[in-house]
Amino acid sequence: MAHIAAELGVSRPTAHKWVRRWRTEGEAGLADRSSQPRRGPRTAPRPPPNNRSAS
C-alpha cells in the first residue's frame, strides 16, 4: 500500500481511507468530498423558531 500511496502522492492513511470507501460505496465513494467539518465544537446552537402568529 505504501508504494501505491507514494505513486498517488498521498499519505498511507489517505490511501487506506480511499480503499475503504471504494470497498463500501463502490465508485461513488471515490467522488470528491468537502473537507469542511459537518459541525464545529464551538458553534452556538440555533435559536428555536419564533412560533408567534402574525396578526
PDB file of N, CA and C in Angstrom:
ATOM      1  N   MET A   1       0.826  -1.188   0.000  1.00  0.00           N
ATOM      2  CA  MET A   1       0.000   0.000   0.000  1.00  0.00           C
ATOM      3  C   MET A   1       0.868   1.249   0.000  1.00  0.00           C
ATOM      4  N   ALA A   2       2.032   1.203   0.646  1.00  0.00           N
ATOM      5  CA  ALA A   2       2.894   2.382   0.733  1.00  0.00           C
ATOM      6  C   ALA A   2       3.347   2.842  -0.650  1.00  0.00           C
ATOM      7  N   HIS A   3       3.677   1.894  -1.530  1.00  0.00           N
ATOM      8  CA  HIS A   3       4.145   2.285  -2.867  1.00  0.00           C
ATOM      9  C   HIS A   3       3.002   2.884  -3.698  1.00  0.00           C
ATOM     10  N   ILE A   4       1.780   2.401  -3.496  1.00  0.00           N
ATOM     11  CA  ILE A   4       0.632   2.971  -4.215  1.00  0.00           C
ATOM     12  C   ILE A   4       0.369   4.391  -3.720  1.00  0.00           C
ATOM     13  N   ALA A   5       0.422   4.585  -2.407  1.00  0.00           N
ATOM     14  CA  ALA A   5       0.222   5.923  -1.844  1.00  0.00           C
ATOM     15  C   ALA A   5       1.288   6.878  -2.372  1.00  0.00           C
ATOM     16  N   ALA A   6       2.525   6.408  -2.463  1.00  0.00           N
ATOM     17  CA  ALA A   6       3.605   7.259  -2.969  1.00  0.00           C
ATOM     18  C   ALA A   6       3.364   7.632  -4.431  1.00  0.00           C
ATOM     19  N   GLU A   7       2.888   6.675  -5.228  1.00  0.00           N
ATOM     20  CA  GLU A   7       2.597   6.956  -6.635  1.00  0.00           C
ATOM     21  C   GLU A   7       1.469   7.984  -6.771  1.00  0.00           C
ATOM     22  N   LEU A   8       0.494   7.917  -5.877  1.00  0.00           N
ATOM     23  CA  LEU A   8      -0.630   8.852  -5.917  1.00  0.00           C
ATOM     24  C   LEU A   8      -0.297  10.193  -5.275  1.00  0.00           C
ATOM     25  N   GLY A   9       0.816  10.238  -4.545  1.00  0.00           N
ATOM     26  CA  GLY A   9       1.210  11.476  -3.885  1.00  0.00           C
ATOM     27  C   GLY A   9       0.404  11.776  -2.647  1.00  0.00           C
ATOM     28  N   VAL A  10      -0.081  10.728  -1.967  1.00  0.00           N
ATOM     29  CA  VAL A  10      -0.862  10.905  -0.740  1.00  0.00           C
ATOM     30  C   VAL A  10      -0.243  10.059   0.369  1.00  0.00           C
ATOM     31  N   SER A  11      -0.686  10.300   1.585  1.00  0.00           N
ATOM     32  CA  SER A  11      -0.190   9.523   2.713  1.00  0.00           C
ATOM     33  C   SER A  11      -0.832   8.139   2.730  1.00  0.00           C
ATOM     34  N   ARG A  12      -0.222   7.225   3.462  1.00  0.00           N
ATOM     35  CA  ARG A  12      -0.799   5.877   3.587  1.00  0.00           C
ATOM     36  C   ARG A  12      -2.182   5.899   4.217  1.00  0.00           C
ATOM     37  N   PRO A  13      -2.411   6.696   5.289  1.00  0.00           N
ATOM     38  CA  PRO A  13      -3.772   6.740   5.838  1.00  0.00           C
ATOM     39  C   PRO A  13      -4.810   7.214   4.819  1.00  0.00           C
ATOM     40  N   THR A  14      -4.451   8.187   3.980  1.00  0.00           N
ATOM     41  CA  THR A  14      -5.385   8.662   2.969  1.00  0.00           C
ATOM     42  C   THR A  14      -5.666   7.573   1.951  1.00  0.00           C
ATOM     43  N   ALA A  15      -4.632   6.854   1.526  1.00  0.00           N
ATOM     44  CA  ALA A  15      -4.819   5.753   0.573  1.00  0.00           C
ATOM     45  C   ALA A  15      -5.715   4.677   1.177  1.00  0.00           C
ATOM     46  N   HIS A  16      -5.514   4.353   2.438  1.00  0.00           N
ATOM     47  CA  HIS A  16      -6.361   3.360   3.108  1.00  0.00           C
ATOM     48  C   HIS A  16      -7.807   3.845   3.182  1.00  0.00           C
ATOM     49  N   LYS A  17      -7.987   5.136   3.462  1.00  0.00           N
ATOM     50  CA  LYS A  17      -9.336   5.703   3.540  1.00  0.00           C
ATOM     51  C   LYS A  17     -10.032   5.576   2.190  1.00  0.00           C
ATOM     52  N   TRP A  18      -9.310   5.878   1.105  1.00  0.00           N
ATOM     53  CA  TRP A  18      -9.896   5.768  -0.229  1.00  0.00           C
ATOM     54  C   TRP A  18     -10.270   4.332  -0.557  1.00  0.00           C
ATOM     55  N   VAL A  19      -9.419   3.372  -0.214  1.00  0.00           N
ATOM     56  CA  VAL A  19      -9.711   1.961  -0.482  1.00  0.00           C
ATOM     57  C   VAL A  19     -10.931   1.523   0.316  1.00  0.00           C
ATOM     58  N   ARG A  20     -11.003   1.937   1.575  1.00  0.00           N
ATOM     59  CA  ARG A  20     -12.150   1.572   2.423  1.00  0.00           C
ATOM     60  C   ARG A  20     -13.453   2.143   1.843  1.00  0.00           C
ATOM     61  N   ARG A  21     -13.403   3.403   1.391  1.00  0.00           N
ATOM     62  CA  ARG A  21     -14.592   3.995   0.778  1.00  0.00           C
ATOM     63  C   ARG A  21     -14.981   3.256  -0.494  1.00  0.00           C
ATOM     64  N   TRP A  22     -13.999   2.879  -1.303  1.00  0.00           N
ATOM     65  CA  TRP A  22     -14.290   2.171  -2.555  1.00  0.00           C
ATOM     66  C   TRP A  22     -14.921   0.806  -2.266  1.00  0.00           C
ATOM     67  N   ARG A  23     -14.416   0.121  -1.236  1.00  0.00           N
ATOM     68  CA  ARG A  23     -14.965  -1.204  -0.893  1.00  0.00           C
ATOM     69  C   ARG A  23     -16.398  -1.111  -0.372  1.00  0.00           C
ATOM     70  N   THR A  24     -16.720  -0.066   0.391  1.00  0.00           N
ATOM     71  CA  THR A  24     -18.058   0.039   0.972  1.00  0.00           C
ATOM     72  C   THR A  24     -19.061   0.718   0.054  1.00  0.00           C
ATOM     73  N   GLU A  25     -18.591   1.706  -0.763  1.00  0.00           N
ATOM     74  CA  GLU A  25     -19.518   2.511  -1.556  1.00  0.00           C
ATOM     75  C   GLU A  25     -19.343   2.361  -3.059  1.00  0.00           C
ATOM     76  N   GLY A  26     -18.329   1.614  -3.485  1.00  0.00           N
ATOM     77  CA  GLY A  26     -18.077   1.488  -4.918  1.00  0.00           C
ATOM     78  C   GLY A  26     -17.491   2.780  -5.472  1.00  0.00           C
ATOM     79  N   GLU A  27     -17.685   3.002  -6.768  1.00  0.00           N
ATOM     80  CA  GLU A  27     -17.115   4.195  -7.408  1.00  0.00           C
ATOM     81  C   GLU A  27     -17.661   5.486  -6.813  1.00  0.00           C
ATOM     82  N   ALA A  28     -18.881   5.465  -6.315  1.00  0.00           N
ATOM     83  CA  ALA A  28     -19.472   6.666  -5.710  1.00  0.00           C
ATOM     84  C   ALA A  28     -18.658   7.117  -4.496  1.00  0.00           C
ATOM     85  N   GLY A  29     -18.013   6.193  -3.812  1.00  0.00           N
ATOM     86  CA  GLY A  29     -17.203   6.527  -2.650  1.00  0.00           C
ATOM     87  C   GLY A  29     -15.946   7.292  -2.994  1.00  0.00           C
ATOM     88  N   LEU A  30     -15.562   7.288  -4.276  1.00  0.00           N
ATOM     89  CA  LEU A  30     -14.349   7.984  -4.697  1.00  0.00           C
ATOM     90  C   LEU A  30     -14.621   9.399  -5.198  1.00  0.00           C
ATOM     91  N   ALA A  31     -15.874   9.820  -5.177  1.00  0.00           N
ATOM     92  CA  ALA A  31     -16.221  11.177  -5.614  1.00  0.00           C
ATOM     93  C   ALA A  31     -15.621  12.191  -4.644  1.00  0.00           C
ATOM     94  N   ASP A  32     -15.356  13.391  -5.145  1.00  0.00           N
ATOM     95  CA  ASP A  32     -14.820  14.451  -4.300  1.00  0.00           C
ATOM     96  C   ASP A  32     -15.782  14.751  -3.162  1.00  0.00           C
ATOM     97  N   ARG A  33     -15.208  15.000  -1.999  1.00  0.00           N
ATOM     98  CA  ARG A  33     -15.998  15.337  -0.817  1.00  0.00           C
ATOM     99  C   ARG A  33     -15.464  16.622  -0.218  1.00  0.00           C
ATOM    100  N   SER A  34     -16.325  17.338   0.444  1.00  0.00           N
ATOM    101  CA  SER A  34     -15.916  18.556   1.128  1.00  0.00           C
ATOM    102  C   SER A  34     -15.070  18.186   2.343  1.00  0.00           C
ATOM    103  N   SER A  35     -14.052  18.978   2.596  1.00  0.00           N
ATOM    104  CA  SER A  35     -13.240  18.744   3.792  1.00  0.00           C
ATOM    105  C   SER A  35     -13.727  19.593   4.956  1.00  0.00           C
ATOM    106  N   GLN A  36     -14.804  20.345   4.742  1.00  0.00           N
ATOM    107  CA  GLN A  36     -15.379  21.177   5.789  1.00  0.00           C
ATOM    108  C   GLN A  36     -16.011  20.286   6.859  1.00  0.00           C
ATOM    109  N   PRO A  37     -15.762  20.578   8.132  1.00  0.00           N
ATOM    110  CA  PRO A  37     -16.378  19.779   9.193  1.00  0.00           C
ATOM    111  C   PRO A  37     -17.903  19.860   9.117  1.00  0.00           C
ATOM    112  N   ARG A  38     -18.565  18.777   9.463  1.00  0.00           N
ATOM    113  CA  ARG A  38     -20.027  18.765   9.451  1.00  0.00           C
ATOM    114  C   ARG A  38     -20.589  19.671  10.539  1.00  0.00           C
ATOM    115  N   ARG A  39     -19.899  19.754  11.661  1.00  0.00           N
ATOM    116  CA  ARG A  39     -20.283  20.684  12.718  1.00  0.00           C
ATOM    117  C   ARG A  39     -19.045  21.017  13.525  1.00  0.00           C
ATOM    118  N   GLY A  40     -19.083  22.139  14.190  1.00  0.00           N
ATOM    119  CA  GLY A  40     -17.938  22.589  14.973  1.00  0.00           C
ATOM    120  C   GLY A  40     -18.227  22.534  16.454  1.00  0.00           C
ATOM    121  N   PRO A  41     -17.215  22.275  17.259  1.00  0.00           N
ATOM    122  CA  PRO A  41     -17.440  22.171  18.695  1.00  0.00           C
ATOM    123  C   PRO A  41     -17.765  23.506  19.354  1.00  0.00           C
ATOM    124  N   ARG A  42     -17.462  24.609  18.682  1.00  0.00           N
ATOM    125  CA  ARG A  42     -17.684  25.917  19.299  1.00  0.00           C
ATOM    126  C   ARG A  42     -18.858  26.674  18.682  1.00  0.00           C
ATOM    127  N   THR A  43     -19.594  26.048  17.811  1.00  0.00           N
ATOM    128  CA  THR A  43     -20.725  26.744  17.213  1.00  0.00           C
ATOM    129  C   THR A  43     -21.899  26.755  18.171  1.00  0.00           C
ATOM    130  N   ALA A  44     -22.596  27.861  18.191  1.00  0.00           N
ATOM    131  CA  ALA A  44     -23.761  28.004  19.074  1.00  0.00           C
ATOM    132  C   ALA A  44     -24.948  27.272  18.453  1.00  0.00           C
ATOM    133  N   PRO A  45     -25.785  26.687  19.276  1.00  0.00           N
ATOM    134  CA  PRO A  45     -26.977  26.027  18.725  1.00  0.00           C
ATOM    135  C   PRO A  45     -27.917  27.063  18.108  1.00  0.00           C
ATOM    136  N   ARG A  46     -28.691  26.642  17.138  1.00  0.00           N
ATOM    137  CA  ARG A  46     -29.632  27.553  16.509  1.00  0.00           C
ATOM    138  C   ARG A  46     -30.768  27.892  17.468  1.00  0.00           C
ATOM    139  N   PRO A  47     -31.195  29.156  17.474  1.00  0.00           N
ATOM    140  CA  PRO A  47     -32.316  29.518  18.364  1.00  0.00           C
ATOM    141  C   PRO A  47     -33.599  28.860  17.882  1.00  0.00           C
ATOM    142  N   PRO A  48     -34.537  28.600  18.796  1.00  0.00           N
ATOM    143  CA  PRO A  48     -35.798  27.983  18.379  1.00  0.00           C
ATOM    144  C   PRO A  48     -36.585  28.933  17.474  1.00  0.00           C
ATOM    145  N   PRO A  49     -37.381  28.387  16.567  1.00  0.00           N
ATOM    146  CA  PRO A  49     -38.160  29.254  15.678  1.00  0.00           C
ATOM    147  C   PRO A  49     -39.179  30.046  16.458  1.00  0.00           C
ATOM    148  N   ASN A  50     -39.507  31.228  15.936  1.00  0.00           N
ATOM    149  CA  ASN A  50     -40.500  32.083  16.557  1.00  0.00           C
ATOM    150  C   ASN A  50     -41.878  31.575  16.155  1.00  0.00           C
ATOM    151  N   ASN A  51     -42.650  31.080  17.113  1.00  0.00           N
ATOM    152  CA  ASN A  51     -43.949  30.463  16.811  1.00  0.00           C
ATOM    153  C   ASN A  51     -45.115  31.443  16.965  1.00  0.00           C
ATOM    154  N   ARG A  52     -44.831  32.718  17.077  1.00  0.00           N
ATOM    155  CA  ARG A  52     -45.918  33.687  17.202  1.00  0.00           C
ATOM    156  C   ARG A  52     -46.619  33.817  15.855  1.00  0.00           C
ATOM    157  N   SER A  53     -47.921  33.887  15.931  1.00  0.00           N
ATOM    158  CA  SER A  53     -48.684  34.072  14.689  1.00  0.00           C
ATOM    159  C   SER A  53     -48.755  35.562  14.367  1.00  0.00           C
ATOM    160  N   ALA A  54     -48.635  35.884  13.093  1.00  0.00           N
ATOM    161  CA  ALA A  54     -48.686  37.288  12.658  1.00  0.00           C
ATOM    162  C   ALA A  54     -50.141  37.757  12.674  1.00  0.00           C
ATOM    163  N   SER A  55     -50.402  38.898  13.337  1.00  0.00           N
ATOM    164  CA  SER A  55     -51.774  39.418  13.407  1.00  0.00           C
ATOM    165  C   SER A  55     -51.858  40.739  12.708  1.00  0.00           C
TER     166      SER A  55
END
